[in-house]
C-alpha cells in the first residue's frame, strides 16, 4: 500500500510537471520563468531521487540562455544549491560536462549579479572535482581578478585562491609554526608573484590584492615572510627570486600595506551597475 501511495504521488507530480512546468518555464513573463526555475531547483534538492537527473536538469541548462538576467540568475542559484551538497555531485556529472562551457561564458555576463553567481558556481564545481575544469576554463576566471567591478573581482579572487593557494596537504604543527622564509606561506607568496607576472598587468597589483583580500588576508598580511624572501639567503636547493620577481613582490607588499591602512578598494574599482548591454 505504501508503494502504491508513493507511485500515485509520483504520478501526480509528473502530471503537474508536464501540465504546468513544461509550459510555464518558457512563459512570456520573465517573473514566471524565474519562479519555475527556482522551484525546480528546490524539487531537485529536496527530492533528488526523483528529480535530480538529466531529464529535469536539462531545463535549467537550457534556461541559462534566457534573455532576462533575473531568470539566468535563478538558474545559477538553483545549481549552487545542488553543487554545494557533495552527496549530490555524482548525479551532476553529465550536466556539468554538457553545460560547463555555458557556465564559464556566463562569468562575462552583461549583468554583474549573474557574472558573480556564475563564478561562485564554478568555485563549487572546482571543489567537487578539480578535473572537470580545464586550464583554459580556469584562466577565463583568473583574469577577472582585475575587473573594475569589485563583487566580480572578489568572486574571481576566491576562485583563484581555492585553485592555486589552498593548502590541501596535511601539515604537521612543526611546519605550521615556522616563520619567515620557512613558513608554509613562503611558497604561496611566490605563487602570487608568479601569477602576477604571468598575468602581464603589472600596474594593477592593487587590483589583485584587493580581489584576494577577503579570502587570503592571512597570506597577504604575512609581511615577515615577504621580508624574509627579499632579505634572507635562499634555503638549500631553493631557487632565488630574480630581480623582476623581487620588484613584483615589493609592489605587491606595498599594495597589501596600503590596503591594510586605508581599508578601501583601489581607485577605479567600484560596485556600480553596468550601463548598457553587451
Foldseek 3Di string as FASTA:
>chain_A
DVVVVVVVVLVVVVCCCVVPLVPQCPPPDLVSVQVSLLVLLVCCLVPVVNRLAPVNLVSLLVQCPPPDPSNVLSSLVSLQSQLVPLVNVVRCVVVCLVRVVVLLVQLPALWPSSVLSSLLSVLSVCVSPVVSADPVSLVSLLVQLLPLEQSSNLSSLVSCCSPQPDDPDDDDPVQCPDAAQSHPLNVVLLVVLVVCVVSVPLVRLLSNCSSNCVPCVVSLPRVSNLVSLQPPDDDVPDDRDDPSSNVSSVVNNVSSVCCVVVVDGDPSHYNDTRPDGD
